[in-house]
PDB file of all heavy atoms in Angstrom:
ATOM      1  N   LYS A   1     194.763 -48.246-134.592  1.00  0.00           N
ATOM      2  CA  LYS A   1     195.141 -47.625-135.864  1.00  0.00           C
ATOM      3  C   LYS A   1     193.947 -46.920-136.489  1.00  0.00           C
ATOM      4  O   LYS A   1     192.850 -47.463-136.567  1.00  0.00           O
ATOM      5  CB  LYS A   1     195.686 -48.701-136.797  1.00  0.00           C
ATOM      6  CG  LYS A   1     196.611 -48.205-137.878  1.00  0.00           C
ATOM      7  CD  LYS A   1     197.288 -49.364-138.589  1.00  0.00           C
ATOM      8  CE  LYS A   1     198.259 -50.091-137.701  1.00  0.00           C
ATOM      9  NZ  LYS A   1     198.980 -51.179-138.411  1.00  0.00           N
ATOM     10  N   GLY A   2     194.164 -45.683-136.916  1.00  0.00           N
ATOM     11  CA  GLY A   2     193.096 -44.891-137.515  1.00  0.00           C
ATOM     12  C   GLY A   2     192.293 -44.097-136.507  1.00  0.00           C
ATOM     13  O   GLY A   2     191.512 -43.216-136.888  1.00  0.00           O
ATOM     14  N   ARG A   3     192.467 -44.391-135.217  1.00  0.00           N
ATOM     15  CA  ARG A   3     191.725 -43.663-134.171  1.00  0.00           C
ATOM     16  C   ARG A   3     192.665 -42.846-133.276  1.00  0.00           C
ATOM     17  O   ARG A   3     192.288 -41.778-132.799  1.00  0.00           O
ATOM     18  CB  ARG A   3     190.933 -44.643-133.299  1.00  0.00           C
ATOM     19  CG  ARG A   3     189.918 -45.458-134.058  1.00  0.00           C
ATOM     20  CD  ARG A   3     189.047 -46.277-133.102  1.00  0.00           C
ATOM     21  NE  ARG A   3     189.816 -47.246-132.328  1.00  0.00           N
ATOM     22  CZ  ARG A   3     189.844 -47.290-131.008  1.00  0.00           C
ATOM     23  NH1 ARG A   3     189.173 -46.405-130.291  1.00  0.00           N
ATOM     24  NH2 ARG A   3     190.564 -48.227-130.381  1.00  0.00           N
ATOM     25  N   PHE A   4     193.868 -43.354-133.037  1.00  0.00           N
ATOM     26  CA  PHE A   4     194.823 -42.691-132.155  1.00  0.00           C
ATOM     27  C   PHE A   4     195.959 -42.098-132.987  1.00  0.00           C
ATOM     28  O   PHE A   4     196.356 -42.663-134.011  1.00  0.00           O
ATOM     29  CB  PHE A   4     195.415 -43.672-131.155  1.00  0.00           C
ATOM     30  CG  PHE A   4     194.477 -44.179-130.101  1.00  0.00           C
ATOM     31  CD1 PHE A   4     193.108 -43.952-130.159  1.00  0.00           C
ATOM     32  CD2 PHE A   4     194.964 -44.896-129.020  1.00  0.00           C
ATOM     33  CE1 PHE A   4     192.252 -44.425-129.185  1.00  0.00           C
ATOM     34  CE2 PHE A   4     194.124 -45.383-128.026  1.00  0.00           C
ATOM     35  CZ  PHE A   4     192.761 -45.139-128.124  1.00  0.00           C
ATOM     36  N   THR A   5     196.503 -40.992-132.502  1.00  0.00           N
ATOM     37  CA  THR A   5     197.649 -40.358-133.159  1.00  0.00           C
ATOM     38  C   THR A   5     198.679 -39.968-132.111  1.00  0.00           C
ATOM     39  O   THR A   5     198.353 -39.261-131.152  1.00  0.00           O
ATOM     40  CB  THR A   5     197.219 -39.111-133.943  1.00  0.00           C
ATOM     41  OG1 THR A   5     196.221 -39.462-134.902  1.00  0.00           O
ATOM     42  CG2 THR A   5     198.421 -38.501-134.657  1.00  0.00           C
ATOM     43  N   ILE A   6     199.900 -40.413-132.310  1.00  0.00           N
ATOM     44  CA  ILE A   6     200.993 -40.030-131.429  1.00  0.00           C
ATOM     45  C   ILE A   6     201.766 -38.891-132.077  1.00  0.00           C
ATOM     46  O   ILE A   6     201.959 -38.868-133.297  1.00  0.00           O
ATOM     47  CB  ILE A   6     201.923 -41.232-131.123  1.00  0.00           C
ATOM     48  CG1 ILE A   6     202.944 -40.875-130.042  1.00  0.00           C
ATOM     49  CG2 ILE A   6     202.604 -41.753-132.384  1.00  0.00           C
ATOM     50  CD1 ILE A   6     203.755 -42.070-129.542  1.00  0.00           C
ATOM     51  N   SER A   7     202.180 -37.940-131.258  1.00  0.00           N
ATOM     52  CA  SER A   7     202.965 -36.818-131.763  1.00  0.00           C
ATOM     53  C   SER A   7     203.872 -36.327-130.635  1.00  0.00           C
ATOM     54  O   SER A   7     203.764 -36.780-129.497  1.00  0.00           O
ATOM     55  CB  SER A   7     202.051 -35.685-132.244  1.00  0.00           C
ATOM     56  OG  SER A   7     201.265 -35.180-131.171  1.00  0.00           O
ATOM     57  N   ARG A   8     204.769 -35.412-130.984  1.00  0.00           N
ATOM     58  CA  ARG A   8     205.664 -34.892-129.952  1.00  0.00           C
ATOM     59  C   ARG A   8     206.033 -33.457-130.256  1.00  0.00           C
ATOM     60  O   ARG A   8     206.008 -33.021-131.413  1.00  0.00           O
ATOM     61  CB  ARG A   8     206.915 -35.762-129.839  1.00  0.00           C
ATOM     62  CG  ARG A   8     207.829 -35.754-131.046  1.00  0.00           C
ATOM     63  CD  ARG A   8     208.878 -36.864-130.962  1.00  0.00           C
ATOM     64  NE  ARG A   8     209.584 -36.850-129.685  1.00  0.00           N
ATOM     65  CZ  ARG A   8     210.326 -37.857-129.235  1.00  0.00           C
ATOM     66  NH1 ARG A   8     210.451 -38.958-129.949  1.00  0.00           N
ATOM     67  NH2 ARG A   8     210.958 -37.765-128.078  1.00  0.00           N
ATOM     68  N   ASP A   9     206.375 -32.751-129.195  1.00  0.00           N
ATOM     69  CA  ASP A   9     206.864 -31.385-129.300  1.00  0.00           C
ATOM     70  C   ASP A   9     208.225 -31.365-128.622  1.00  0.00           C
ATOM     71  O   ASP A   9     208.313 -31.387-127.399  1.00  0.00           O
ATOM     72  CB  ASP A   9     205.892 -30.421-128.611  1.00  0.00           C
ATOM     73  CG  ASP A   9     206.302 -28.967-128.767  1.00  0.00           C
ATOM     74  OD1 ASP A   9     207.504 -28.695-129.012  1.00  0.00           O
ATOM     75  OD2 ASP A   9     205.436 -28.094-128.647  1.00  0.00           O
ATOM     76  N   GLY A  10     209.267 -31.333-129.440  1.00  0.00           N
ATOM     77  CA  GLY A  10     210.612 -31.388-128.896  1.00  0.00           C
ATOM     78  C   GLY A  10     210.970 -30.195-128.046  1.00  0.00           C
ATOM     79  O   GLY A  10     211.765 -30.291-127.113  1.00  0.00           O
ATOM     80  N   THR A  11     210.367 -29.056-128.345  1.00  0.00           N
ATOM     81  CA  THR A  11     210.676 -27.848-127.568  1.00  0.00           C
ATOM     82  C   THR A  11     210.129 -27.940-126.159  1.00  0.00           C
ATOM     83  O   THR A  11     210.599 -27.247-125.256  1.00  0.00           O
ATOM     84  CB  THR A  11     210.115 -26.603-128.256  1.00  0.00           C
ATOM     85  OG1 THR A  11     208.681 -26.677-128.273  1.00  0.00           O
ATOM     86  CG2 THR A  11     210.626 -26.490-129.687  1.00  0.00           C
ATOM     87  N   LYS A  12     209.121 -28.790-125.976  1.00  0.00           N
ATOM     88  CA  LYS A  12     208.502 -28.942-124.655  1.00  0.00           C
ATOM     89  C   LYS A  12     208.844 -30.278-124.007  1.00  0.00           C
ATOM     90  O   LYS A  12     208.343 -30.583-122.919  1.00  0.00           O
ATOM     91  CB  LYS A  12     206.984 -28.811-124.770  1.00  0.00           C
ATOM     92  CG  LYS A  12     206.521 -27.455-125.275  1.00  0.00           C
ATOM     93  CD  LYS A  12     205.003 -27.398-125.366  1.00  0.00           C
ATOM     94  CE  LYS A  12     204.534 -26.038-125.870  1.00  0.00           C
ATOM     95  NZ  LYS A  12     203.050 -25.991-125.997  1.00  0.00           N
ATOM     96  N   ASN A  13     209.670 -31.087-124.695  1.00  0.00           N
ATOM     97  CA  ASN A  13     210.027 -32.404-124.156  1.00  0.00           C
ATOM     98  C   ASN A  13     208.774 -33.203-123.824  1.00  0.00           C
ATOM     99  O   ASN A  13     208.712 -33.895-122.801  1.00  0.00           O
ATOM    100  CB  ASN A  13     210.894 -32.242-122.907  1.00  0.00           C
ATOM    101  CG  ASN A  13     212.067 -33.211-122.872  1.00  0.00           C
ATOM    102  OD1 ASN A  13     212.452 -33.796-123.882  1.00  0.00           O
ATOM    103  ND2 ASN A  13     212.647 -33.385-121.693  1.00  0.00           N
ATOM    104  N   THR A  14     207.776 -33.112-124.699  1.00  0.00           N
ATOM    105  CA  THR A  14     206.464 -33.690-124.422  1.00  0.00           C
ATOM    106  C   THR A  14     205.999 -34.554-125.590  1.00  0.00           C
ATOM    107  O   THR A  14     206.210 -34.202-126.753  1.00  0.00           O
ATOM    108  CB  THR A  14     205.435 -32.581-124.151  1.00  0.00           C
ATOM    109  OG1 THR A  14     205.863 -31.813-123.014  1.00  0.00           O
ATOM    110  CG2 THR A  14     204.061 -33.161-123.866  1.00  0.00           C
ATOM    111  N   VAL A  15     205.362 -35.675-125.245  1.00  0.00           N
ATOM    112  CA  VAL A  15     204.758 -36.562-126.233  1.00  0.00           C
ATOM    113  C   VAL A  15     203.254 -36.588-125.972  1.00  0.00           C
ATOM    114  O   VAL A  15     202.818 -36.554-124.806  1.00  0.00           O
ATOM    115  CB  VAL A  15     205.340 -37.984-126.125  1.00  0.00           C
ATOM    116  CG1 VAL A  15     204.643 -38.931-127.086  1.00  0.00           C
ATOM    117  CG2 VAL A  15     206.824 -37.967-126.407  1.00  0.00           C
ATOM    118  N   TYR A  16     202.481 -36.657-127.043  1.00  0.00           N
ATOM    119  CA  TYR A  16     201.034 -36.640-126.932  1.00  0.00           C
ATOM    120  C   TYR A  16     200.440 -37.915-127.525  1.00  0.00           C
ATOM    121  O   TYR A  16     201.026 -38.552-128.401  1.00  0.00           O
ATOM    122  CB  TYR A  16     200.463 -35.439-127.672  1.00  0.00           C
ATOM    123  CG  TYR A  16     201.026 -34.119-127.229  1.00  0.00           C
ATOM    124  CD1 TYR A  16     202.073 -33.512-127.924  1.00  0.00           C
ATOM    125  CD2 TYR A  16     200.530 -33.473-126.107  1.00  0.00           C
ATOM    126  CE1 TYR A  16     202.597 -32.301-127.517  1.00  0.00           C
ATOM    127  CE2 TYR A  16     201.051 -32.255-125.691  1.00  0.00           C
ATOM    128  CZ  TYR A  16     202.080 -31.672-126.400  1.00  0.00           C
ATOM    129  OH  TYR A  16     202.601 -30.469-125.991  1.00  0.00           O
ATOM    130  N   LEU A  17     199.237 -38.246-127.056  1.00  0.00           N
ATOM    131  CA  LEU A  17     198.455 -39.307-127.667  1.00  0.00           C
ATOM    132  C   LEU A  17     197.033 -38.782-127.817  1.00  0.00           C
ATOM    133  O   LEU A  17     196.308 -38.632-126.830  1.00  0.00           O
ATOM    134  CB  LEU A  17     198.469 -40.577-126.817  1.00  0.00           C
ATOM    135  CG  LEU A  17     197.761 -41.780-127.458  1.00  0.00           C
ATOM    136  CD1 LEU A  17     198.553 -42.270-128.685  1.00  0.00           C
ATOM    137  CD2 LEU A  17     197.603 -42.926-126.454  1.00  0.00           C
ATOM    138  N   GLN A  18     196.662 -38.460-129.048  1.00  0.00           N
ATOM    139  CA  GLN A  18     195.306 -38.022-129.349  1.00  0.00           C
ATOM    140  C   GLN A  18     194.466 -39.255-129.591  1.00  0.00           C
ATOM    141  O   GLN A  18     194.781 -40.060-130.482  1.00  0.00           O
ATOM    142  CB  GLN A  18     195.294 -37.120-130.586  1.00  0.00           C
ATOM    143  CG  GLN A  18     193.911 -36.671-131.002  1.00  0.00           C
ATOM    144  CD  GLN A  18     193.260 -35.745-129.994  1.00  0.00           C
ATOM    145  OE1 GLN A  18     193.897 -34.837-129.466  1.00  0.00           O
ATOM    146  NE2 GLN A  18     191.981 -35.969-129.720  1.00  0.00           N
ATOM    147  N   MET A  19     193.417 -39.401-128.817  1.00  0.00           N
ATOM    148  CA  MET A  19     192.569 -40.590-128.896  1.00  0.00           C
ATOM    149  C   MET A  19     191.163 -40.168-129.313  1.00  0.00           C
ATOM    150  O   MET A  19     190.488 -39.430-128.578  1.00  0.00           O
ATOM    151  CB  MET A  19     192.536 -41.306-127.548  1.00  0.00           C
ATOM    152  CG  MET A  19     193.919 -41.654-127.009  1.00  0.00           C
ATOM    153  SD  MET A  19     193.870 -42.636-125.504  1.00  0.00           S
ATOM    154  CE  MET A  19     193.091 -41.493-124.372  1.00  0.00           C
ATOM    155  N   ASN A  20     190.746 -40.609-130.484  1.00  0.00           N
ATOM    156  CA  ASN A  20     189.418 -40.302-131.005  1.00  0.00           C
ATOM    157  C   ASN A  20     188.593 -41.572-131.129  1.00  0.00           C
ATOM    158  O   ASN A  20     189.132 -42.683-131.105  1.00  0.00           O
ATOM    159  CB  ASN A  20     189.540 -39.628-132.379  1.00  0.00           C
ATOM    160  CG  ASN A  20     190.293 -38.321-132.325  1.00  0.00           C
ATOM    161  OD1 ASN A  20     190.251 -37.594-131.342  1.00  0.00           O
ATOM    162  ND2 ASN A  20     190.997 -38.005-133.408  1.00  0.00           N
ATOM    163  N   SER A  21     187.294 -41.402-131.283  1.00  0.00           N
ATOM    164  CA  SER A  21     186.377 -42.541-131.446  1.00  0.00           C
ATOM    165  C   SER A  21     186.635 -43.598-130.382  1.00  0.00           C
ATOM    166  O   SER A  21     186.741 -44.799-130.675  1.00  0.00           O
ATOM    167  CB  SER A  21     186.550 -43.147-132.843  1.00  0.00           C
ATOM    168  OG  SER A  21     186.304 -42.184-133.848  1.00  0.00           O
ATOM    169  N   LEU A  22     186.714 -43.157-129.151  1.00  0.00           N
ATOM    170  CA  LEU A  22     187.047 -44.074-128.062  1.00  0.00           C
ATOM    171  C   LEU A  22     185.967 -45.129-127.856  1.00  0.00           C
ATOM    172  O   LEU A  22     184.766 -44.863-128.056  1.00  0.00           O
ATOM    173  CB  LEU A  22     187.280 -43.290-126.773  1.00  0.00           C
ATOM    174  CG  LEU A  22     188.649 -42.596-126.697  1.00  0.00           C
ATOM    175  CD1 LEU A  22     188.648 -41.498-125.664  1.00  0.00           C
ATOM    176  CD2 LEU A  22     189.732 -43.618-126.411  1.00  0.00           C
ATOM    177  N   LYS A  23     186.424 -46.314-127.469  1.00  0.00           N
ATOM    178  CA  LYS A  23     185.540 -47.446-127.235  1.00  0.00           C
ATOM    179  C   LYS A  23     185.699 -47.916-125.790  1.00  0.00           C
ATOM    180  O   LYS A  23     186.752 -47.698-125.181  1.00  0.00           O
ATOM    181  CB  LYS A  23     185.915 -48.591-128.177  1.00  0.00           C
ATOM    182  CG  LYS A  23     185.924 -48.234-129.644  1.00  0.00           C
ATOM    183  CD  LYS A  23     186.433 -49.403-130.477  1.00  0.00           C
ATOM    184  CE  LYS A  23     186.475 -49.058-131.954  1.00  0.00           C
ATOM    185  NZ  LYS A  23     186.976 -50.193-132.778  1.00  0.00           N
ATOM    186  N   PRO A  24     184.706 -48.580-125.242  1.00  0.00           N
ATOM    187  CA  PRO A  24     184.834 -49.099-123.873  1.00  0.00           C
ATOM    188  C   PRO A  24     186.063 -49.989-123.699  1.00  0.00           C
ATOM    189  O   PRO A  24     186.679 -49.982-122.624  1.00  0.00           O
ATOM    190  CB  PRO A  24     183.538 -49.889-123.684  1.00  0.00           C
ATOM    191  CG  PRO A  24     182.550 -49.188-124.550  1.00  0.00           C
ATOM    192  CD  PRO A  24     183.333 -48.767-125.769  1.00  0.00           C
ATOM    193  N   GLU A  25     186.448 -50.699-124.725  1.00  0.00           N
ATOM    194  CA  GLU A  25     187.623 -51.573-124.619  1.00  0.00           C
ATOM    195  C   GLU A  25     188.939 -50.798-124.590  1.00  0.00           C
ATOM    196  O   GLU A  25     190.009 -51.392-124.392  1.00  0.00           O
ATOM    197  CB  GLU A  25     187.643 -52.597-125.771  1.00  0.00           C
ATOM    198  CG  GLU A  25     187.475 -52.015-127.153  1.00  0.00           C
ATOM    199  CD  GLU A  25     186.042 -52.086-127.646  1.00  0.00           C
ATOM    200  OE1 GLU A  25     185.115 -51.785-126.860  1.00  0.00           O
ATOM    201  OE2 GLU A  25     185.851 -52.427-128.831  1.00  0.00           O
ATOM    202  N   ASP A  26     188.886 -49.493-124.767  1.00  0.00           N
ATOM    203  CA  ASP A  26     190.082 -48.662-124.602  1.00  0.00           C
ATOM    204  C   ASP A  26     190.330 -48.305-123.137  1.00  0.00           C
ATOM    205  O   ASP A  26     191.355 -47.692-122.808  1.00  0.00           O
ATOM    206  CB  ASP A  26     189.959 -47.364-125.405  1.00  0.00           C
ATOM    207  CG  ASP A  26     189.933 -47.600-126.908  1.00  0.00           C
ATOM    208  OD1 ASP A  26     190.713 -48.448-127.396  1.00  0.00           O
ATOM    209  OD2 ASP A  26     189.128 -46.936-127.592  1.00  0.00           O
ATOM    210  N   THR A  27     189.402 -48.658-122.273  1.00  0.00           N
ATOM    211  CA  THR A  27     189.552 -48.375-120.849  1.00  0.00           C
ATOM    212  C   THR A  27     190.783 -49.077-120.293  1.00  0.00           C
ATOM    213  O   THR A  27     190.942 -50.288-120.433  1.00  0.00           O
ATOM    214  CB  THR A  27     188.300 -48.828-120.081  1.00  0.00           C
ATOM    215  OG1 THR A  27     187.180 -48.044-120.502  1.00  0.00           O
ATOM    216  CG2 THR A  27     188.495 -48.678-118.580  1.00  0.00           C
ATOM    217  N   ALA A  28     191.663 -48.293-119.676  1.00  0.00           N
ATOM    218  CA  ALA A  28     192.923 -48.828-119.155  1.00  0.00           C
ATOM    219  C   ALA A  28     193.693 -47.701-118.476  1.00  0.00           C
ATOM    220  O   ALA A  28     193.338 -46.525-118.600  1.00  0.00           O
ATOM    221  CB  ALA A  28     193.768 -49.420-120.281  1.00  0.00           C
ATOM    222  N   VAL A  29     194.764 -48.081-117.810  1.00  0.00           N
ATOM    223  CA  VAL A  29     195.756 -47.109-117.363  1.00  0.00           C
ATOM    224  C   VAL A  29     196.766 -46.962-118.506  1.00  0.00           C
ATOM    225  O   VAL A  29     197.295 -47.967-118.993  1.00  0.00           O
ATOM    226  CB  VAL A  29     196.464 -47.549-116.081  1.00  0.00           C
ATOM    227  CG1 VAL A  29     197.546 -46.530-115.699  1.00  0.00           C
ATOM    228  CG2 VAL A  29     195.451 -47.711-114.946  1.00  0.00           C
ATOM    229  N   TYR A  30     197.001 -45.739-118.918  1.00  0.00           N
ATOM    230  CA  TYR A  30     197.902 -45.466-120.033  1.00  0.00           C
ATOM    231  C   TYR A  30     199.236 -44.955-119.492  1.00  0.00           C
ATOM    232  O   TYR A  30     199.262 -44.048-118.654  1.00  0.00           O
ATOM    233  CB  TYR A  30     197.279 -44.445-120.976  1.00  0.00           C
ATOM    234  CG  TYR A  30     196.221 -45.054-121.869  1.00  0.00           C
ATOM    235  CD1 TYR A  30     194.984 -45.435-121.339  1.00  0.00           C
ATOM    236  CD2 TYR A  30     196.445 -45.249-123.221  1.00  0.00           C
ATOM    237  CE1 TYR A  30     194.020 -46.017-122.136  1.00  0.00           C
ATOM    238  CE2 TYR A  30     195.477 -45.820-124.036  1.00  0.00           C
ATOM    239  CZ  TYR A  30     194.272 -46.210-123.490  1.00  0.00           C
ATOM    240  OH  TYR A  30     193.313 -46.786-124.290  1.00  0.00           O
TER     241      TYR A  30
END
């Protein structure tokens, strides 16, 4: 919370995840 933002573009049938201020503990398969 406060670092990641989820959004979507319905015209493109696409969802996004903007990830800022990344930390080593964010390492994973998404």
